[in-house]
């Protein structure tokens, strides 16, 4: 699995439209970042190739890319990762584990209910930070942080499997990412 691409749209440092691109590995590590003007958007296919688009709402991100710069991502709906869906998948695995073991303690707490707004989610889990970045980079960085936080929540979840013999007997070894999420990231490479 190569990982994810996070895209931010908004004003660049010069005040004109720009696209910020962040690469995030399946381990939640930022592995690359670019800030492109609409005239440089021809780089986007190469920067997105083999990666799963991650966003709070991938459909909205893809629609904005198309409206603002005419960029279309092929097969994005089969390969994208919606952060709320990924969090729901992590929560489901946690609930399965909790049904087999009493008193599991998580270092990351997934809000219940999950906020519908990404800004509320970021405030709830403590991901709000001041950045001196331009609007497009702030947008991409905020999403990259949410994605990395979600990956950390998954790793927190899977660490319980390794620590508890009863979970190892009851459940198969966890995948690098939650199953549906991992399928989407893997499918992006095809």
C-alpha atoms as a PDB file:
ATOM      1  CA  UNK A   1       0.000   0.000   0.000  1.00  0.00           C
ATOM      2  CA  UNK A   2       1.351   3.391  -0.988  1.00  0.00           C
ATOM      3  CA  UNK A   3      -1.091   5.411   1.110  1.00  0.00           C
ATOM      4  CA  UNK A   4      -3.280   8.445   0.869  1.00  0.00           C
ATOM      5  CA  UNK A   5      -3.451  11.788  -0.874  1.00  0.00           C
ATOM      6  CA  UNK A   6      -5.098  14.723   0.889  1.00  0.00           C
ATOM      7  CA  UNK A   7      -6.107  17.734  -1.179  1.00  0.00           C
ATOM      8  CA  UNK A   8      -6.826  21.263  -0.009  1.00  0.00           C
ATOM      9  CA  UNK A   9      -8.344  24.036  -2.082  1.00  0.00           C
ATOM     10  CA  UNK A  10      -8.204  27.756  -1.409  1.00  0.00           C
ATOM     11  CA  UNK A  11      -6.043  30.815  -1.669  1.00  0.00           C
ATOM     12  CA  UNK A  12      -2.296  30.321  -1.957  1.00  0.00           C
ATOM     13  CA  UNK A  13       0.382  32.541  -0.437  1.00  0.00           C
ATOM     14  CA  UNK A  14      -0.161  35.029  -3.274  1.00  0.00           C
ATOM     15  CA  UNK A  15      -3.936  35.173  -2.682  1.00  0.00           C
ATOM     16  CA  UNK A  16      -4.750  33.300  -5.888  1.00  0.00           C
ATOM     17  CA  UNK A  17      -6.396  29.874  -6.071  1.00  0.00           C
ATOM     18  CA  UNK A  18      -4.139  26.952  -5.253  1.00  0.00           C
ATOM     19  CA  UNK A  19      -4.268  23.238  -4.565  1.00  0.00           C
ATOM     20  CA  UNK A  20      -2.325  21.831  -1.630  1.00  0.00           C
ATOM     21  CA  UNK A  21      -1.379  18.161  -1.866  1.00  0.00           C
ATOM     22  CA  UNK A  22      -0.277  16.091   1.136  1.00  0.00           C
ATOM     23  CA  UNK A  23       0.822  12.472   0.993  1.00  0.00           C
ATOM     24  CA  UNK A  24       0.123  10.456   4.141  1.00  0.00           C
ATOM     25  CA  UNK A  25       1.406   6.895   4.566  1.00  0.00           C
ATOM     26  CA  UNK A  26      -0.745   4.034   5.933  1.00  0.00           C
ATOM     27  CA  UNK A  27       1.160   4.583   9.209  1.00  0.00           C
ATOM     28  CA  UNK A  28      -0.040   8.198   9.388  1.00  0.00           C
ATOM     29  CA  UNK A  29       3.301   9.769   8.446  1.00  0.00           C
ATOM     30  CA  UNK A  30       3.346  12.833   6.180  1.00  0.00           C
ATOM     31  CA  UNK A  31       5.572  11.828   3.285  1.00  0.00           C
ATOM     32  CA  UNK A  32       5.310  14.775   0.919  1.00  0.00           C
ATOM     33  CA  UNK A  33       3.606  18.133   0.379  1.00  0.00           C
ATOM     34  CA  UNK A  34       3.117  20.412  -2.632  1.00  0.00           C
ATOM     35  CA  UNK A  35       1.354  23.707  -3.261  1.00  0.00           C
ATOM     36  CA  UNK A  36       0.203  24.076  -6.861  1.00  0.00           C
ATOM     37  CA  UNK A  37      -1.307  26.957  -8.788  1.00  0.00           C
ATOM     38  CA  UNK A  38      -4.164  26.053 -11.156  1.00  0.00           C
ATOM     39  CA  UNK A  39      -1.638  26.381 -14.008  1.00  0.00           C
ATOM     40  CA  UNK A  40       0.486  23.672 -12.390  1.00  0.00           C
ATOM     41  CA  UNK A  41      -2.454  21.372 -11.781  1.00  0.00           C
ATOM     42  CA  UNK A  42      -1.245  19.102 -14.579  1.00  0.00           C
ATOM     43  CA  UNK A  43       0.993  17.620 -11.827  1.00  0.00           C
ATOM     44  CA  UNK A  44      -2.066  16.347  -9.942  1.00  0.00           C
ATOM     45  CA  UNK A  45      -2.531  13.049 -11.810  1.00  0.00           C
ATOM     46  CA  UNK A  46       1.015  12.000 -10.944  1.00  0.00           C
ATOM     47  CA  UNK A  47       0.690  13.154  -7.339  1.00  0.00           C
ATOM     48  CA  UNK A  48      -2.599  11.279  -6.893  1.00  0.00           C
ATOM     49  CA  UNK A  49      -1.645   8.111  -8.795  1.00  0.00           C
ATOM     50  CA  UNK A  50      -1.826   4.941  -6.745  1.00  0.00           C
ATOM     51  CA  UNK A  51      -3.122   6.756  -3.670  1.00  0.00           C
ATOM     52  CA  UNK A  52      -6.473   6.797  -1.959  1.00  0.00           C
ATOM     53  CA  UNK A  53      -8.073  10.242  -1.679  1.00  0.00           C
ATOM     54  CA  UNK A  54      -8.747  10.874   2.014  1.00  0.00           C
ATOM     55  CA  UNK A  55     -11.141  13.606   3.103  1.00  0.00           C
ATOM     56  CA  UNK A  56     -13.939  14.261   5.539  1.00  0.00           C
ATOM     57  CA  UNK A  57     -16.225  14.210   2.476  1.00  0.00           C
ATOM     58  CA  UNK A  58     -14.356  12.880  -0.591  1.00  0.00           C
ATOM     59  CA  UNK A  59     -17.287  13.599  -2.932  1.00  0.00           C
ATOM     60  CA  UNK A  60     -17.212  17.280  -1.991  1.00  0.00           C
ATOM     61  CA  UNK A  61     -13.419  17.452  -2.436  1.00  0.00           C
ATOM     62  CA  UNK A  62     -13.568  15.813  -5.865  1.00  0.00           C
ATOM     63  CA  UNK A  63     -16.464  18.059  -6.923  1.00  0.00           C
ATOM     64  CA  UNK A  64     -14.564  21.202  -5.876  1.00  0.00           C
ATOM     65  CA  UNK A  65     -11.461  20.046  -7.765  1.00  0.00           C
ATOM     66  CA  UNK A  66     -13.547  19.591 -10.889  1.00  0.00           C
ATOM     67  CA  UNK A  67     -15.397  22.912 -10.527  1.00  0.00           C
ATOM     68  CA  UNK A  68     -12.350  25.046  -9.737  1.00  0.00           C
ATOM     69  CA  UNK A  69      -9.612  23.575 -11.921  1.00  0.00           C
ATOM     70  CA  UNK A  70     -11.298  20.982 -14.150  1.00  0.00           C
ATOM     71  CA  UNK A  71      -9.423  18.064 -12.585  1.00  0.00           C
ATOM     72  CA  UNK A  72     -11.152  14.688 -12.490  1.00  0.00           C
ATOM     73  CA  UNK A  73     -10.027  11.726 -10.431  1.00  0.00           C
ATOM     74  CA  UNK A  74     -10.905   8.426 -12.115  1.00  0.00           C
ATOM     75  CA  UNK A  75     -12.592   5.798  -9.918  1.00  0.00           C
ATOM     76  CA  UNK A  76     -12.242   7.981  -6.807  1.00  0.00           C
ATOM     77  CA  UNK A  77     -15.500   6.676  -5.311  1.00  0.00           C
ATOM     78  CA  UNK A  78     -14.160   3.103  -5.147  1.00  0.00           C
ATOM     79  CA  UNK A  79     -10.818   4.092  -3.648  1.00  0.00           C
ATOM     80  CA  UNK A  80     -11.461   7.140  -1.479  1.00  0.00           C
ATOM     81  CA  UNK A  81     -11.539   7.134   2.308  1.00  0.00           C
ATOM     82  CA  UNK A  82     -14.115   9.228   4.138  1.00  0.00           C
ATOM     83  CA  UNK A  83     -12.661   9.942   7.577  1.00  0.00           C
ATOM     84  CA  UNK A  84     -16.055   9.538   9.354  1.00  0.00           C
ATOM     85  CA  UNK A  85     -16.460   6.082   7.738  1.00  0.00           C
ATOM     86  CA  UNK A  86     -12.942   5.096   8.784  1.00  0.00           C
ATOM     87  CA  UNK A  87     -13.656   6.208  12.365  1.00  0.00           C
ATOM     88  CA  UNK A  88     -16.898   4.230  12.362  1.00  0.00           C
ATOM     89  CA  UNK A  89     -15.002   1.149  11.211  1.00  0.00           C
ATOM     90  CA  UNK A  90     -12.428   1.606  13.993  1.00  0.00           C
ATOM     91  CA  UNK A  91     -15.250   2.037  16.526  1.00  0.00           C
ATOM     92  CA  UNK A  92     -16.934  -1.201  15.330  1.00  0.00           C
ATOM     93  CA  UNK A  93     -13.732  -3.191  15.841  1.00  0.00           C
ATOM     94  CA  UNK A  94     -13.325  -1.655  19.287  1.00  0.00           C
ATOM     95  CA  UNK A  95     -16.859  -2.643  20.230  1.00  0.00           C
ATOM     96  CA  UNK A  96     -16.178  -6.212  19.085  1.00  0.00           C
ATOM     97  CA  UNK A  97     -13.051  -6.307  21.243  1.00  0.00           C
ATOM     98  CA  UNK A  98     -14.909  -4.810  24.211  1.00  0.00           C
ATOM     99  CA  UNK A  99     -17.546  -7.529  23.963  1.00  0.00           C
ATOM    100  CA  UNK A 100     -14.804 -10.094  24.689  1.00  0.00           C
ATOM    101  CA  UNK A 101     -12.670  -8.253  27.237  1.00  0.00           C
ATOM    102  CA  UNK A 102     -13.744  -6.069  30.161  1.00  0.00           C
ATOM    103  CA  UNK A 103     -12.093  -2.768  30.936  1.00  0.00           C
ATOM    104  CA  UNK A 104     -10.181  -2.013  27.748  1.00  0.00           C
ATOM    105  CA  UNK A 105      -8.643   1.452  27.907  1.00  0.00           C
ATOM    106  CA  UNK A 106      -7.974   3.372  24.710  1.00  0.00           C
ATOM    107  CA  UNK A 107      -5.390   6.139  24.463  1.00  0.00           C
ATOM    108  CA  UNK A 108      -7.487   7.750  21.706  1.00  0.00           C
ATOM    109  CA  UNK A 109     -11.177   8.313  22.378  1.00  0.00           C
ATOM    110  CA  UNK A 110     -13.461   8.423  19.357  1.00  0.00           C
ATOM    111  CA  UNK A 111     -16.241  10.958  20.040  1.00  0.00           C
ATOM    112  CA  UNK A 112     -19.726   9.527  20.461  1.00  0.00           C
ATOM    113  CA  UNK A 113     -21.677  10.578  18.549  1.00  0.00           C
ATOM    114  CA  UNK A 114     -19.211  11.382  15.812  1.00  0.00           C
ATOM    115  CA  UNK A 115     -19.493  15.096  14.904  1.00  0.00           C
ATOM    116  CA  UNK A 116     -20.894  15.786  11.449  1.00  0.00           C
ATOM    117  CA  UNK A 117     -18.609  18.787  10.962  1.00  0.00           C
ATOM    118  CA  UNK A 118     -14.834  18.321  10.581  1.00  0.00           C
ATOM    119  CA  UNK A 119     -14.152  21.535  12.515  1.00  0.00           C
ATOM    120  CA  UNK A 120     -16.155  20.263  15.488  1.00  0.00           C
ATOM    121  CA  UNK A 121     -14.319  16.934  15.272  1.00  0.00           C
ATOM    122  CA  UNK A 122     -10.924  18.676  15.277  1.00  0.00           C
ATOM    123  CA  UNK A 123     -11.878  20.763  18.329  1.00  0.00           C
ATOM    124  CA  UNK A 124     -13.305  17.719  20.134  1.00  0.00           C
ATOM    125  CA  UNK A 125     -10.151  15.602  19.747  1.00  0.00           C
ATOM    126  CA  UNK A 126      -7.685  18.478  20.173  1.00  0.00           C
ATOM    127  CA  UNK A 127      -6.414  18.898  16.621  1.00  0.00           C
ATOM    128  CA  UNK A 128      -6.961  22.647  16.342  1.00  0.00           C
ATOM    129  CA  UNK A 129      -3.682  24.490  15.821  1.00  0.00           C
ATOM    130  CA  UNK A 130      -2.620  27.871  14.586  1.00  0.00           C
ATOM    131  CA  UNK A 131      -0.847  27.660  11.241  1.00  0.00           C
ATOM    132  CA  UNK A 132       0.879  30.362   9.271  1.00  0.00           C
ATOM    133  CA  UNK A 133       0.062  28.478   6.092  1.00  0.00           C
ATOM    134  CA  UNK A 134      -2.097  29.725   3.248  1.00  0.00           C
ATOM    135  CA  UNK A 135      -5.771  28.680   3.082  1.00  0.00           C
ATOM    136  CA  UNK A 136      -5.282  25.708   0.749  1.00  0.00           C
ATOM    137  CA  UNK A 137      -2.405  24.339   2.841  1.00  0.00           C
ATOM    138  CA  UNK A 138      -4.393  24.825   6.079  1.00  0.00           C
ATOM    139  CA  UNK A 139      -7.248  22.849   4.529  1.00  0.00           C
ATOM    140  CA  UNK A 140      -5.001  19.976   3.462  1.00  0.00           C
ATOM    141  CA  UNK A 141      -3.025  19.979   6.703  1.00  0.00           C
ATOM    142  CA  UNK A 142      -6.195  19.902   8.825  1.00  0.00           C
ATOM    143  CA  UNK A 143      -7.422  16.869   6.868  1.00  0.00           C
ATOM    144  CA  UNK A 144      -3.996  15.199   7.037  1.00  0.00           C
ATOM    145  CA  UNK A 145      -4.045  15.652  10.823  1.00  0.00           C
ATOM    146  CA  UNK A 146      -7.509  14.089  11.071  1.00  0.00           C
ATOM    147  CA  UNK A 147      -6.351  11.184   8.919  1.00  0.00           C
ATOM    148  CA  UNK A 148      -3.217  10.669  11.035  1.00  0.00           C
ATOM    149  CA  UNK A 149      -5.335  10.838  14.213  1.00  0.00           C
ATOM    150  CA  UNK A 150      -7.697   8.195  12.796  1.00  0.00           C
ATOM    151  CA  UNK A 151      -4.721   5.951  11.937  1.00  0.00           C
ATOM    152  CA  UNK A 152      -3.440   6.416  15.500  1.00  0.00           C
ATOM    153  CA  UNK A 153      -6.863   5.368  16.820  1.00  0.00           C
ATOM    154  CA  UNK A 154      -6.655   2.228  14.653  1.00  0.00           C
ATOM    155  CA  UNK A 155      -3.138   1.432  15.882  1.00  0.00           C
ATOM    156  CA  UNK A 156      -4.349   1.944  19.465  1.00  0.00           C
ATOM    157  CA  UNK A 157      -7.142  -0.530  18.718  1.00  0.00           C
ATOM    158  CA  UNK A 158      -4.903  -3.155  17.145  1.00  0.00           C
ATOM    159  CA  UNK A 159      -2.381  -2.935  19.973  1.00  0.00           C
ATOM    160  CA  UNK A 160      -5.064  -4.391  22.273  1.00  0.00           C
ATOM    161  CA  UNK A 161      -5.188  -7.481  20.051  1.00  0.00           C
ATOM    162  CA  UNK A 162      -1.483  -8.018  20.661  1.00  0.00           C
ATOM    163  CA  UNK A 163      -1.782  -7.420  24.394  1.00  0.00           C
ATOM    164  CA  UNK A 164      -4.785  -9.635  25.132  1.00  0.00           C
ATOM    165  CA  UNK A 165      -4.660 -13.380  24.584  1.00  0.00           C
ATOM    166  CA  UNK A 166      -8.462 -13.606  24.660  1.00  0.00           C
ATOM    167  CA  UNK A 167      -8.659 -11.194  21.716  1.00  0.00           C
ATOM    168  CA  UNK A 168      -6.027 -13.132  19.797  1.00  0.00           C
ATOM    169  CA  UNK A 169      -8.102 -16.303  20.267  1.00  0.00           C
ATOM    170  CA  UNK A 170     -11.385 -14.627  19.311  1.00  0.00           C
ATOM    171  CA  UNK A 171     -10.305 -12.443  16.377  1.00  0.00           C
ATOM    172  CA  UNK A 172      -7.961 -12.775  13.396  1.00  0.00           C
ATOM    173  CA  UNK A 173      -4.820 -10.670  13.368  1.00  0.00           C
ATOM    174  CA  UNK A 174      -5.772  -7.093  12.476  1.00  0.00           C
ATOM    175  CA  UNK A 175      -4.809  -5.653   9.119  1.00  0.00           C
ATOM    176  CA  UNK A 176      -2.626  -2.546   8.710  1.00  0.00           C
ATOM    177  CA  UNK A 177      -5.798  -0.471   8.344  1.00  0.00           C
ATOM    178  CA  UNK A 178      -9.443  -1.405   9.025  1.00  0.00           C
ATOM    179  CA  UNK A 179     -10.530  -3.934   6.354  1.00  0.00           C
ATOM    180  CA  UNK A 180     -12.748  -1.751   4.139  1.00  0.00           C
ATOM    181  CA  UNK A 181     -10.318   1.149   4.398  1.00  0.00           C
ATOM    182  CA  UNK A 182      -7.375  -1.094   3.529  1.00  0.00           C
ATOM    183  CA  UNK A 183      -9.267  -2.472   0.491  1.00  0.00           C
ATOM    184  CA  UNK A 184      -9.840   1.072  -0.766  1.00  0.00           C
ATOM    185  CA  UNK A 185      -6.187   2.073  -0.345  1.00  0.00           C
ATOM    186  CA  UNK A 186      -5.027  -1.137  -2.022  1.00  0.00           C
ATOM    187  CA  UNK A 187      -7.553  -0.694  -4.864  1.00  0.00           C
ATOM    188  CA  UNK A 188      -6.114   2.780  -5.531  1.00  0.00           C
ATOM    189  CA  UNK A 189      -2.836   1.131  -6.605  1.00  0.00           C
ATOM    190  CA  UNK A 190      -4.514  -1.021  -9.253  1.00  0.00           C
END
